[in-house]
Amino acid sequence: MQKAKFIDSIHAKTKIKLTFFSKEDGRQLTRLCAPMDFGPSRRALNKDDRYHLWDYESDQKNHVLSLLPAQVVNLEFLNEDFCPSEFVTWQTNWFLPRDWGIYS
């Protein structure tokens, strides 16, 4: 159910309030995010599918979160729109097809 709503949120370009377990911090964190993709990690050794999100509130330079479903505590789907131009600065190669214009 969460995965389907997450994918719908990608297509609708609506933000998510994400609560997740941060391995780095050893506790739960809540962040305002934009859903970017769902699929395997291109960087991690574990290639299982995961949620890929843009973290608007990160204290790190890298604002991408890639979380396994087990790390996700809650996804709250908001009625707040985002624009991919807010964060997409690279040549995209999404796992899920979408209609984001030049950011697809």
PDB file of N, CA and C in Angstrom:
ATOM      1  N   MET A   1       0.832  -1.204   0.000  1.00  0.00           N
ATOM      2  CA  MET A   1       0.000   0.000   0.000  1.00  0.00           C
ATOM      3  C   MET A   1       0.871   1.260   0.000  1.00  0.00           C
ATOM      4  N   GLN A   2       1.874   1.314   0.888  1.00  0.00           N
ATOM      5  CA  GLN A   2       2.756   2.480   0.966  1.00  0.00           C
ATOM      6  C   GLN A   2       3.484   2.678  -0.360  1.00  0.00           C
ATOM      7  N   LYS A   3       3.970   1.591  -0.941  1.00  0.00           N
ATOM      8  CA  LYS A   3       4.719   1.683  -2.192  1.00  0.00           C
ATOM      9  C   LYS A   3       3.843   2.268  -3.294  1.00  0.00           C
ATOM     10  N   ALA A   4       2.598   1.815  -3.423  1.00  0.00           N
ATOM     11  CA  ALA A   4       1.689   2.314  -4.463  1.00  0.00           C
ATOM     12  C   ALA A   4       1.414   3.802  -4.264  1.00  0.00           C
ATOM     13  N   LYS A   5       1.188   4.225  -3.024  1.00  0.00           N
ATOM     14  CA  LYS A   5       0.942   5.642  -2.753  1.00  0.00           C
ATOM     15  C   LYS A   5       2.200   6.472  -3.007  1.00  0.00           C
ATOM     16  N   PHE A   6       3.359   5.908  -2.713  1.00  0.00           N
ATOM     17  CA  PHE A   6       4.620   6.574  -2.973  1.00  0.00           C
ATOM     18  C   PHE A   6       4.778   6.811  -4.479  1.00  0.00           C
ATOM     19  N   ILE A   7       4.494   5.794  -5.272  1.00  0.00           N
ATOM     20  CA  ILE A   7       4.595   5.918  -6.728  1.00  0.00           C
ATOM     21  C   ILE A   7       3.582   6.940  -7.245  1.00  0.00           C
ATOM     22  N   ASP A   8       2.365   6.924  -6.690  1.00  0.00           N
ATOM     23  CA  ASP A   8       1.363   7.931  -7.070  1.00  0.00           C
ATOM     24  C   ASP A   8       1.872   9.334  -6.761  1.00  0.00           C
ATOM     25  N   SER A   9       2.581   9.476  -5.648  1.00  0.00           N
ATOM     26  CA  SER A   9       3.122  10.767  -5.232  1.00  0.00           C
ATOM     27  C   SER A   9       4.227  11.249  -6.179  1.00  0.00           C
ATOM     28  N   ILE A  10       4.994  10.318  -6.743  1.00  0.00           N
ATOM     29  CA  ILE A  10       5.992  10.671  -7.758  1.00  0.00           C
ATOM     30  C   ILE A  10       5.282  11.284  -8.966  1.00  0.00           C
ATOM     31  N   HIS A  11       4.239  10.593  -9.441  1.00  0.00           N
ATOM     32  CA  HIS A  11       3.519  11.052 -10.632  1.00  0.00           C
ATOM     33  C   HIS A  11       2.778  12.367 -10.383  1.00  0.00           C
ATOM     34  N   ALA A  12       2.226  12.524  -9.185  1.00  0.00           N
ATOM     35  CA  ALA A  12       1.481  13.745  -8.856  1.00  0.00           C
ATOM     36  C   ALA A  12       2.408  14.899  -8.473  1.00  0.00           C
ATOM     37  N   LYS A  13       3.695  14.585  -8.229  1.00  0.00           N
ATOM     38  CA  LYS A  13       4.689  15.572  -7.783  1.00  0.00           C
ATOM     39  C   LYS A  13       4.232  16.257  -6.489  1.00  0.00           C
ATOM     40  N   THR A  14       3.900  15.412  -5.494  1.00  0.00           N
ATOM     41  CA  THR A  14       3.507  15.920  -4.182  1.00  0.00           C
ATOM     42  C   THR A  14       4.493  15.453  -3.119  1.00  0.00           C
ATOM     43  N   LYS A  15       4.708  16.322  -2.141  1.00  0.00           N
ATOM     44  CA  LYS A  15       5.697  16.065  -1.089  1.00  0.00           C
ATOM     45  C   LYS A  15       5.190  15.045  -0.076  1.00  0.00           C
ATOM     46  N   ILE A  16       6.139  14.523   0.678  1.00  0.00           N
ATOM     47  CA  ILE A  16       5.886  13.504   1.696  1.00  0.00           C
ATOM     48  C   ILE A  16       6.579  13.924   2.984  1.00  0.00           C
ATOM     49  N   LYS A  17       5.891  13.721   4.103  1.00  0.00           N
ATOM     50  CA  LYS A  17       6.558  13.827   5.406  1.00  0.00           C
ATOM     51  C   LYS A  17       6.972  12.408   5.778  1.00  0.00           C
ATOM     52  N   LEU A  18       8.275  12.192   5.802  1.00  0.00           N
ATOM     53  CA  LEU A  18       8.863  10.869   6.003  1.00  0.00           C
ATOM     54  C   LEU A  18       9.390  10.738   7.425  1.00  0.00           C
ATOM     55  N   THR A  19       9.021   9.651   8.086  1.00  0.00           N
ATOM     56  CA  THR A  19       9.652   9.281   9.352  1.00  0.00           C
ATOM     57  C   THR A  19      10.386   7.972   9.092  1.00  0.00           C
ATOM     58  N   PHE A  20      11.674   7.966   9.438  1.00  0.00           N
ATOM     59  CA  PHE A  20      12.494   6.797   9.144  1.00  0.00           C
ATOM     60  C   PHE A  20      13.503   6.582  10.255  1.00  0.00           C
ATOM     61  N   PHE A  21      14.027   5.345  10.297  1.00  0.00           N
ATOM     62  CA  PHE A  21      15.088   5.052  11.256  1.00  0.00           C
ATOM     63  C   PHE A  21      16.415   5.359  10.583  1.00  0.00           C
ATOM     64  N   SER A  22      17.139   6.325  11.154  1.00  0.00           N
ATOM     65  CA  SER A  22      18.449   6.714  10.647  1.00  0.00           C
ATOM     66  C   SER A  22      19.509   5.847  11.306  1.00  0.00           C
ATOM     67  N   LYS A  23      20.179   5.016  10.511  1.00  0.00           N
ATOM     68  CA  LYS A  23      21.273   4.199  11.048  1.00  0.00           C
ATOM     69  C   LYS A  23      22.393   5.096  11.555  1.00  0.00           C
ATOM     70  N   GLU A  24      22.643   6.176  10.822  1.00  0.00           N
ATOM     71  CA  GLU A  24      23.716   7.105  11.168  1.00  0.00           C
ATOM     72  C   GLU A  24      23.476   7.778  12.524  1.00  0.00           C
ATOM     73  N   ASP A  25      22.212   8.167  12.787  1.00  0.00           N
ATOM     74  CA  ASP A  25      21.881   8.857  14.033  1.00  0.00           C
ATOM     75  C   ASP A  25      21.432   7.898  15.133  1.00  0.00           C
ATOM     76  N   GLY A  26      21.103   6.654  14.761  1.00  0.00           N
ATOM     77  CA  GLY A  26      20.661   5.668  15.741  1.00  0.00           C
ATOM     78  C   GLY A  26      19.291   5.974  16.322  1.00  0.00           C
ATOM     79  N   ARG A  27      18.461   6.710  15.574  1.00  0.00           N
ATOM     80  CA  ARG A  27      17.120   7.057  16.062  1.00  0.00           C
ATOM     81  C   ARG A  27      16.223   7.418  14.878  1.00  0.00           C
ATOM     82  N   GLN A  28      14.943   7.618  15.199  1.00  0.00           N
ATOM     83  CA  GLN A  28      14.003   8.024  14.164  1.00  0.00           C
ATOM     84  C   GLN A  28      14.141   9.511  13.868  1.00  0.00           C
ATOM     85  N   LEU A  29      14.015   9.853  12.577  1.00  0.00           N
ATOM     86  CA  LEU A  29      14.013  11.239  12.128  1.00  0.00           C
ATOM     87  C   LEU A  29      12.786  11.467  11.252  1.00  0.00           C
ATOM     88  N   THR A  30      12.297  12.703  11.231  1.00  0.00           N
ATOM     89  CA  THR A  30      11.189  13.073  10.356  1.00  0.00           C
ATOM     90  C   THR A  30      11.662  14.207   9.467  1.00  0.00           C
ATOM     91  N   ARG A  31      11.416  14.060   8.167  1.00  0.00           N
ATOM     92  CA  ARG A  31      11.891  15.036   7.187  1.00  0.00           C
ATOM     93  C   ARG A  31      10.816  15.304   6.140  1.00  0.00           C
ATOM     94  N   LEU A  32      10.818  16.537   5.621  1.00  0.00           N
ATOM     95  CA  LEU A  32       9.992  16.889   4.479  1.00  0.00           C
ATOM     96  C   LEU A  32      10.766  16.477   3.231  1.00  0.00           C
ATOM     97  N   CYS A  33      10.137  15.668   2.362  1.00  0.00           N
ATOM     98  CA  CYS A  33      10.835  15.089   1.217  1.00  0.00           C
ATOM     99  C   CYS A  33       9.996  15.156  -0.052  1.00  0.00           C
ATOM    100  N   ALA A  34      10.696  15.010  -1.173  1.00  0.00           N
ATOM    101  CA  ALA A  34      10.055  14.781  -2.465  1.00  0.00           C
ATOM    102  C   ALA A  34      10.398  13.355  -2.884  1.00  0.00           C
ATOM    103  N   PRO A  35       9.400  12.574  -3.288  1.00  0.00           N
ATOM    104  CA  PRO A  35       9.690  11.219  -3.764  1.00  0.00           C
ATOM    105  C   PRO A  35      10.358  11.286  -5.129  1.00  0.00           C
ATOM    106  N   MET A  36      11.453  10.564  -5.285  1.00  0.00           N
ATOM    107  CA  MET A  36      12.183  10.600  -6.553  1.00  0.00           C
ATOM    108  C   MET A  36      12.046   9.317  -7.352  1.00  0.00           C
ATOM    109  N   ASP A  37      12.153   8.170  -6.683  1.00  0.00           N
ATOM    110  CA  ASP A  37      12.155   6.911  -7.421  1.00  0.00           C
ATOM    111  C   ASP A  37      11.950   5.755  -6.454  1.00  0.00           C
ATOM    112  N   PHE A  38      11.645   4.585  -7.001  1.00  0.00           N
ATOM    113  CA  PHE A  38      11.589   3.350  -6.230  1.00  0.00           C
ATOM    114  C   PHE A  38      12.289   2.288  -7.058  1.00  0.00           C
ATOM    115  N   GLY A  39      13.300   1.683  -6.463  1.00  0.00           N
ATOM    116  CA  GLY A  39      14.055   0.643  -7.159  1.00  0.00           C
ATOM    117  C   GLY A  39      15.342   0.365  -6.419  1.00  0.00           C
ATOM    118  N   PRO A  40      16.202  -0.468  -7.010  1.00  0.00           N
ATOM    119  CA  PRO A  40      17.444  -0.848  -6.330  1.00  0.00           C
ATOM    120  C   PRO A  40      18.411   0.333  -6.198  1.00  0.00           C
ATOM    121  N   SER A  41      19.347   0.184  -5.305  1.00  0.00           N
ATOM    122  CA  SER A  41      20.403   1.180  -5.148  1.00  0.00           C
ATOM    123  C   SER A  41      21.480   0.930  -6.188  1.00  0.00           C
ATOM    124  N   ARG A  42      21.991   2.004  -6.755  1.00  0.00           N
ATOM    125  CA  ARG A  42      23.109   1.856  -7.692  1.00  0.00           C
ATOM    126  C   ARG A  42      24.445   1.925  -6.944  1.00  0.00           C
ATOM    127  N   ARG A  43      24.412   2.289  -5.667  1.00  0.00           N
ATOM    128  CA  ARG A  43      25.651   2.460  -4.900  1.00  0.00           C
ATOM    129  C   ARG A  43      25.851   1.398  -3.829  1.00  0.00           C
ATOM    130  N   ALA A  44      24.780   1.011  -3.157  1.00  0.00           N
ATOM    131  CA  ALA A  44      24.899   0.083  -2.027  1.00  0.00           C
ATOM    132  C   ALA A  44      25.168  -1.342  -2.502  1.00  0.00           C
ATOM    133  N   LEU A  45      25.794  -2.125  -1.655  1.00  0.00           N
ATOM    134  CA  LEU A  45      26.022  -3.535  -1.959  1.00  0.00           C
ATOM    135  C   LEU A  45      24.702  -4.285  -2.019  1.00  0.00           C
ATOM    136  N   ASN A  46      23.791  -3.935  -1.112  1.00  0.00           N
ATOM    137  CA  ASN A  46      22.465  -4.531  -1.073  1.00  0.00           C
ATOM    138  C   ASN A  46      21.640  -3.905  -2.197  1.00  0.00           C
ATOM    139  N   LYS A  47      21.268  -4.681  -3.192  1.00  0.00           N
ATOM    140  CA  LYS A  47      20.554  -4.177  -4.365  1.00  0.00           C
ATOM    141  C   LYS A  47      19.036  -4.268  -4.240  1.00  0.00           C
ATOM    142  N   ASP A  48      18.536  -4.538  -3.032  1.00  0.00           N
ATOM    143  CA  ASP A  48      17.088  -4.607  -2.840  1.00  0.00           C
ATOM    144  C   ASP A  48      16.448  -3.260  -3.172  1.00  0.00           C
ATOM    145  N   ASP A  49      15.171  -3.313  -3.609  1.00  0.00           N
ATOM    146  CA  ASP A  49      14.434  -2.093  -3.911  1.00  0.00           C
ATOM    147  C   ASP A  49      14.302  -1.225  -2.668  1.00  0.00           C
ATOM    148  N   ARG A  50      14.332   0.076  -2.900  1.00  0.00           N
ATOM    149  CA  ARG A  50      14.241   1.028  -1.801  1.00  0.00           C
ATOM    150  C   ARG A  50      13.562   2.306  -2.276  1.00  0.00           C
ATOM    151  N   TYR A  51      13.166   3.108  -1.305  1.00  0.00           N
ATOM    152  CA  TYR A  51      12.585   4.419  -1.570  1.00  0.00           C
ATOM    153  C   TYR A  51      13.729   5.419  -1.748  1.00  0.00           C
ATOM    154  N   HIS A  52      13.678   6.195  -2.813  1.00  0.00           N
ATOM    155  CA  HIS A  52      14.662   7.249  -3.065  1.00  0.00           C
ATOM    156  C   HIS A  52      13.928   8.583  -2.958  1.00  0.00           C
ATOM    157  N   LEU A  53      14.413   9.437  -2.063  1.00  0.00           N
ATOM    158  CA  LEU A  53      13.739  10.703  -1.803  1.00  0.00           C
ATOM    159  C   LEU A  53      14.731  11.852  -1.742  1.00  0.00           C
ATOM    160  N   TRP A  54      14.251  13.040  -2.056  1.00  0.00           N
ATOM    161  CA  TRP A  54      15.016  14.267  -1.880  1.00  0.00           C
ATOM    162  C   TRP A  54      14.646  14.832  -0.523  1.00  0.00           C
ATOM    163  N   ASP A  55      15.622  15.025   0.341  1.00  0.00           N
ATOM    164  CA  ASP A  55      15.417  15.518   1.702  1.00  0.00           C
ATOM    165  C   ASP A  55      15.635  17.030   1.722  1.00  0.00           C
ATOM    166  N   TYR A  56      14.538  17.770   1.858  1.00  0.00           N
ATOM    167  CA  TYR A  56      14.625  19.230   1.891  1.00  0.00           C
ATOM    168  C   TYR A  56      15.254  19.748   3.182  1.00  0.00           C
ATOM    169  N   GLU A  57      15.269  18.929   4.230  1.00  0.00           N
ATOM    170  CA  GLU A  57      15.687  19.398   5.555  1.00  0.00           C
ATOM    171  C   GLU A  57      16.995  18.789   6.049  1.00  0.00           C
ATOM    172  N   SER A  58      17.740  18.161   5.175  1.00  0.00           N
ATOM    173  CA  SER A  58      18.987  17.509   5.570  1.00  0.00           C
ATOM    174  C   SER A  58      20.012  18.522   6.049  1.00  0.00           C
ATOM    175  N   ASP A  59      20.826  18.100   7.006  1.00  0.00           N
ATOM    176  CA  ASP A  59      21.935  18.940   7.464  1.00  0.00           C
ATOM    177  C   ASP A  59      23.221  18.573   6.710  1.00  0.00           C
ATOM    178  N   GLN A  60      23.108  17.645   5.764  1.00  0.00           N
ATOM    179  CA  GLN A  60      24.243  17.213   4.960  1.00  0.00           C
ATOM    180  C   GLN A  60      24.188  17.894   3.594  1.00  0.00           C
ATOM    181  N   LYS A  61      25.310  17.946   2.913  1.00  0.00           N
ATOM    182  CA  LYS A  61      25.337  18.501   1.562  1.00  0.00           C
ATOM    183  C   LYS A  61      24.535  17.619   0.608  1.00  0.00           C
ATOM    184  N   ASN A  62      24.673  16.296   0.728  1.00  0.00           N
ATOM    185  CA  ASN A  62      23.949  15.348  -0.107  1.00  0.00           C
ATOM    186  C   ASN A  62      22.538  15.205   0.440  1.00  0.00           C
ATOM    187  N   HIS A  63      21.553  15.576  -0.323  1.00  0.00           N
ATOM    188  CA  HIS A  63      20.176  15.581   0.157  1.00  0.00           C
ATOM    189  C   HIS A  63      19.364  14.361  -0.250  1.00  0.00           C
ATOM    190  N   VAL A  64      19.990  13.351  -0.862  1.00  0.00           N
ATOM    191  CA  VAL A  64      19.263  12.163  -1.306  1.00  0.00           C
ATOM    192  C   VAL A  64      19.221  11.130  -0.186  1.00  0.00           C
ATOM    193  N   LEU A  65      18.015  10.602   0.078  1.00  0.00           N
ATOM    194  CA  LEU A  65      17.847   9.492   1.009  1.00  0.00           C
ATOM    195  C   LEU A  65      17.447   8.269   0.192  1.00  0.00           C
ATOM    196  N   SER A  66      18.106   7.159   0.418  1.00  0.00           N
ATOM    197  CA  SER A  66      17.745   5.882  -0.209  1.00  0.00           C
ATOM    198  C   SER A  66      17.527   4.891   0.919  1.00  0.00           C
ATOM    199  N   LEU A  67      16.263   4.549   1.151  1.00  0.00           N
ATOM    200  CA  LEU A  67      15.900   3.771   2.332  1.00  0.00           C
ATOM    201  C   LEU A  67      15.224   2.462   1.971  1.00  0.00           C
ATOM    202  N   LEU A  68      15.675   1.401   2.603  1.00  0.00           N
ATOM    203  CA  LEU A  68      14.992   0.124   2.479  1.00  0.00           C
ATOM    204  C   LEU A  68      13.626   0.236   3.148  1.00  0.00           C
ATOM    205  N   PRO A  69      12.623  -0.487   2.669  1.00  0.00           N
ATOM    206  CA  PRO A  69      11.291  -0.402   3.281  1.00  0.00           C
ATOM    207  C   PRO A  69      11.292  -0.620   4.790  1.00  0.00           C
ATOM    208  N   ALA A  70      12.172  -1.474   5.302  1.00  0.00           N
ATOM    209  CA  ALA A  70      12.218  -1.733   6.744  1.00  0.00           C
ATOM    210  C   ALA A  70      12.658  -0.507   7.547  1.00  0.00           C
ATOM    211  N   GLN A  71      13.355   0.431   6.917  1.00  0.00           N
ATOM    212  CA  GLN A  71      13.796   1.652   7.602  1.00  0.00           C
ATOM    213  C   GLN A  71      12.690   2.698   7.687  1.00  0.00           C
ATOM    214  N   VAL A  72      11.672   2.577   6.824  1.00  0.00           N
ATOM    215  CA  VAL A  72      10.597   3.568   6.771  1.00  0.00           C
ATOM    216  C   VAL A  72       9.593   3.274   7.877  1.00  0.00           C
ATOM    217  N   VAL A  73       9.414   4.248   8.764  1.00  0.00           N
ATOM    218  CA  VAL A  73       8.457   4.118   9.857  1.00  0.00           C
ATOM    219  C   VAL A  73       7.086   4.606   9.405  1.00  0.00           C
ATOM    220  N   ASN A  74       7.057   5.755   8.693  1.00  0.00           N
ATOM    221  CA  ASN A  74       5.785   6.307   8.245  1.00  0.00           C
ATOM    222  C   ASN A  74       6.002   7.215   7.037  1.00  0.00           C
ATOM    223  N   LEU A  75       5.057   7.171   6.118  1.00  0.00           N
ATOM    224  CA  LEU A  75       5.006   8.092   4.990  1.00  0.00           C
ATOM    225  C   LEU A  75       3.675   8.825   5.083  1.00  0.00           C
ATOM    226  N   GLU A  76       3.742  10.135   5.258  1.00  0.00           N
ATOM    227  CA  GLU A  76       2.529  10.952   5.272  1.00  0.00           C
ATOM    228  C   GLU A  76       2.494  11.718   3.955  1.00  0.00           C
ATOM    229  N   PHE A  77       1.473  11.462   3.165  1.00  0.00           N
ATOM    230  CA  PHE A  77       1.376  12.039   1.827  1.00  0.00           C
ATOM    231  C   PHE A  77       0.681  13.391   1.921  1.00  0.00           C
ATOM    232  N   LEU A  78       1.386  14.442   1.500  1.00  0.00           N
ATOM    233  CA  LEU A  78       0.923  15.813   1.658  1.00  0.00           C
ATOM    234  C   LEU A  78       0.281  16.329   0.370  1.00  0.00           C
ATOM    235  N   ASN A  79      -0.484  17.407   0.488  1.00  0.00           N
ATOM    236  CA  ASN A  79      -1.084  18.060  -0.673  1.00  0.00           C
ATOM    237  C   ASN A  79      -0.235  19.244  -1.110  1.00  0.00           C
ATOM    238  N   GLU A  80       1.068  19.144  -0.902  1.00  0.00           N
ATOM    239  CA  GLU A  80       2.004  20.210  -1.251  1.00  0.00           C
ATOM    240  C   GLU A  80       2.827  19.760  -2.450  1.00  0.00           C
ATOM    241  N   ASP A  81       2.784  20.535  -3.517  1.00  0.00           N
ATOM    242  CA  ASP A  81       3.487  20.182  -4.749  1.00  0.00           C
ATOM    243  C   ASP A  81       4.984  20.477  -4.662  1.00  0.00           C
ATOM    244  N   PHE A  82       5.752  19.748  -5.460  1.00  0.00           N
ATOM    245  CA  PHE A  82       7.155  20.080  -5.655  1.00  0.00           C
ATOM    246  C   PHE A  82       7.412  20.169  -7.154  1.00  0.00           C
ATOM    247  N   CYS A  83       8.498  20.805  -7.511  1.00  0.00           N
ATOM    248  CA  CYS A  83       8.925  20.888  -8.900  1.00  0.00           C
ATOM    249  C   CYS A  83      10.281  20.194  -9.005  1.00  0.00           C
ATOM    250  N   PRO A  84      10.430  19.229  -9.917  1.00  0.00           N
ATOM    251  CA  PRO A  84      11.708  18.522 -10.038  1.00  0.00           C
ATOM    252  C   PRO A  84      12.905  19.448 -10.233  1.00  0.00           C
ATOM    253  N   SER A  85      12.685  20.623 -10.802  1.00  0.00           N
ATOM    254  CA  SER A  85      13.801  21.555 -11.014  1.00  0.00           C
ATOM    255  C   SER A  85      14.394  22.055  -9.697  1.00  0.00           C
ATOM    256  N   GLU A  86      13.693  21.827  -8.574  1.00  0.00           N
ATOM    257  CA  GLU A  86      14.208  22.219  -7.261  1.00  0.00           C
ATOM    258  C   GLU A  86      15.437  21.407  -6.867  1.00  0.00           C
ATOM    259  N   PHE A  87      15.578  20.198  -7.439  1.00  0.00           N
ATOM    260  CA  PHE A  87      16.690  19.345  -7.005  1.00  0.00           C
ATOM    261  C   PHE A  87      17.355  18.544  -8.122  1.00  0.00           C
ATOM    262  N   VAL A  88      16.711  18.297  -9.231  1.00  0.00           N
ATOM    263  CA  VAL A  88      17.319  17.477 -10.287  1.00  0.00           C
ATOM    264  C   VAL A  88      18.327  18.318 -11.057  1.00  0.00           C
ATOM    265  N   THR A  89      19.598  17.983 -10.869  1.00  0.00           N
ATOM    266  CA  THR A  89      20.691  18.709 -11.532  1.00  0.00           C
ATOM    267  C   THR A  89      21.596  17.744 -12.303  1.00  0.00           C
ATOM    268  N   TRP A  90      21.150  16.519 -12.472  1.00  0.00           N
ATOM    269  CA  TRP A  90      21.951  15.490 -13.098  1.00  0.00           C
ATOM    270  C   TRP A  90      21.168  14.859 -14.249  1.00  0.00           C
ATOM    271  N   GLN A  91      21.869  14.115 -15.085  1.00  0.00           N
ATOM    272  CA  GLN A  91      21.225  13.350 -16.156  1.00  0.00           C
ATOM    273  C   GLN A  91      20.475  12.195 -15.501  1.00  0.00           C
ATOM    274  N   THR A  92      19.164  12.181 -15.636  1.00  0.00           N
ATOM    275  CA  THR A  92      18.354  11.192 -14.921  1.00  0.00           C
ATOM    276  C   THR A  92      18.367   9.832 -15.608  1.00  0.00           C
ATOM    277  N   ASN A  93      18.179   8.810 -14.791  1.00  0.00           N
ATOM    278  CA  ASN A  93      18.079   7.429 -15.248  1.00  0.00           C
ATOM    279  C   ASN A  93      17.158   6.706 -14.264  1.00  0.00           C
ATOM    280  N   TRP A  94      15.896   7.163 -14.210  1.00  0.00           N
ATOM    281  CA  TRP A  94      14.935   6.661 -13.227  1.00  0.00           C
ATOM    282  C   TRP A  94      14.588   5.193 -13.482  1.00  0.00           C
ATOM    283  N   PHE A  95      14.250   4.493 -12.403  1.00  0.00           N
ATOM    284  CA  PHE A  95      13.729   3.134 -12.522  1.00  0.00           C
ATOM    285  C   PHE A  95      12.262   3.178 -12.968  1.00  0.00           C
ATOM    286  N   LEU A  96      11.491   4.110 -12.416  1.00  0.00           N
ATOM    287  CA  LEU A  96      10.072   4.237 -12.751  1.00  0.00           C
ATOM    288  C   LEU A  96       9.869   5.308 -13.820  1.00  0.00           C
ATOM    289  N   PRO A  97       9.199   4.968 -14.910  1.00  0.00           N
ATOM    290  CA  PRO A  97       8.905   5.994 -15.916  1.00  0.00           C
ATOM    291  C   PRO A  97       7.975   7.042 -15.323  1.00  0.00           C
ATOM    292  N   ARG A  98       8.127   8.277 -15.765  1.00  0.00           N
ATOM    293  CA  ARG A  98       7.266   9.356 -15.295  1.00  0.00           C
ATOM    294  C   ARG A  98       7.239  10.458 -16.324  1.00  0.00           C
ATOM    295  N   ASP A  99       6.288  11.385 -16.168  1.00  0.00           N
ATOM    296  CA  ASP A  99       6.171  12.529 -17.065  1.00  0.00           C
ATOM    297  C   ASP A  99       6.572  13.781 -16.292  1.00  0.00           C
ATOM    298  N   TRP A 100       7.879  13.982 -16.191  1.00  0.00           N
ATOM    299  CA  TRP A 100       8.430  15.174 -15.523  1.00  0.00           C
ATOM    300  C   TRP A 100       9.106  16.082 -16.549  1.00  0.00           C
ATOM    301  N   GLY A 101       8.635  16.037 -17.782  1.00  0.00           N
ATOM    302  CA  GLY A 101       9.219  16.879 -18.812  1.00  0.00           C
ATOM    303  C   GLY A 101      10.698  16.574 -19.007  1.00  0.00           C
ATOM    304  N   ILE A 102      11.530  17.625 -19.007  1.00  0.00           N
ATOM    305  CA  ILE A 102      12.969  17.426 -19.240  1.00  0.00           C
ATOM    306  C   ILE A 102      13.653  16.679 -18.089  1.00  0.00           C
ATOM    307  N   TYR A 103      12.943  16.486 -16.967  1.00  0.00           N
ATOM    308  CA  TYR A 103      13.512  15.781 -15.810  1.00  0.00           C
ATOM    309  C   TYR A 103      13.066  14.310 -15.762  1.00  0.00           C
ATOM    310  N   SER A 104      12.391  13.851 -16.825  1.00  0.00           N
ATOM    311  CA  SER A 104      11.882  12.467 -16.859  1.00  0.00           C
ATOM    312  C   SER A 104      13.021  11.479 -17.122  1.00  0.00           C
TER     313      SER A 104
END
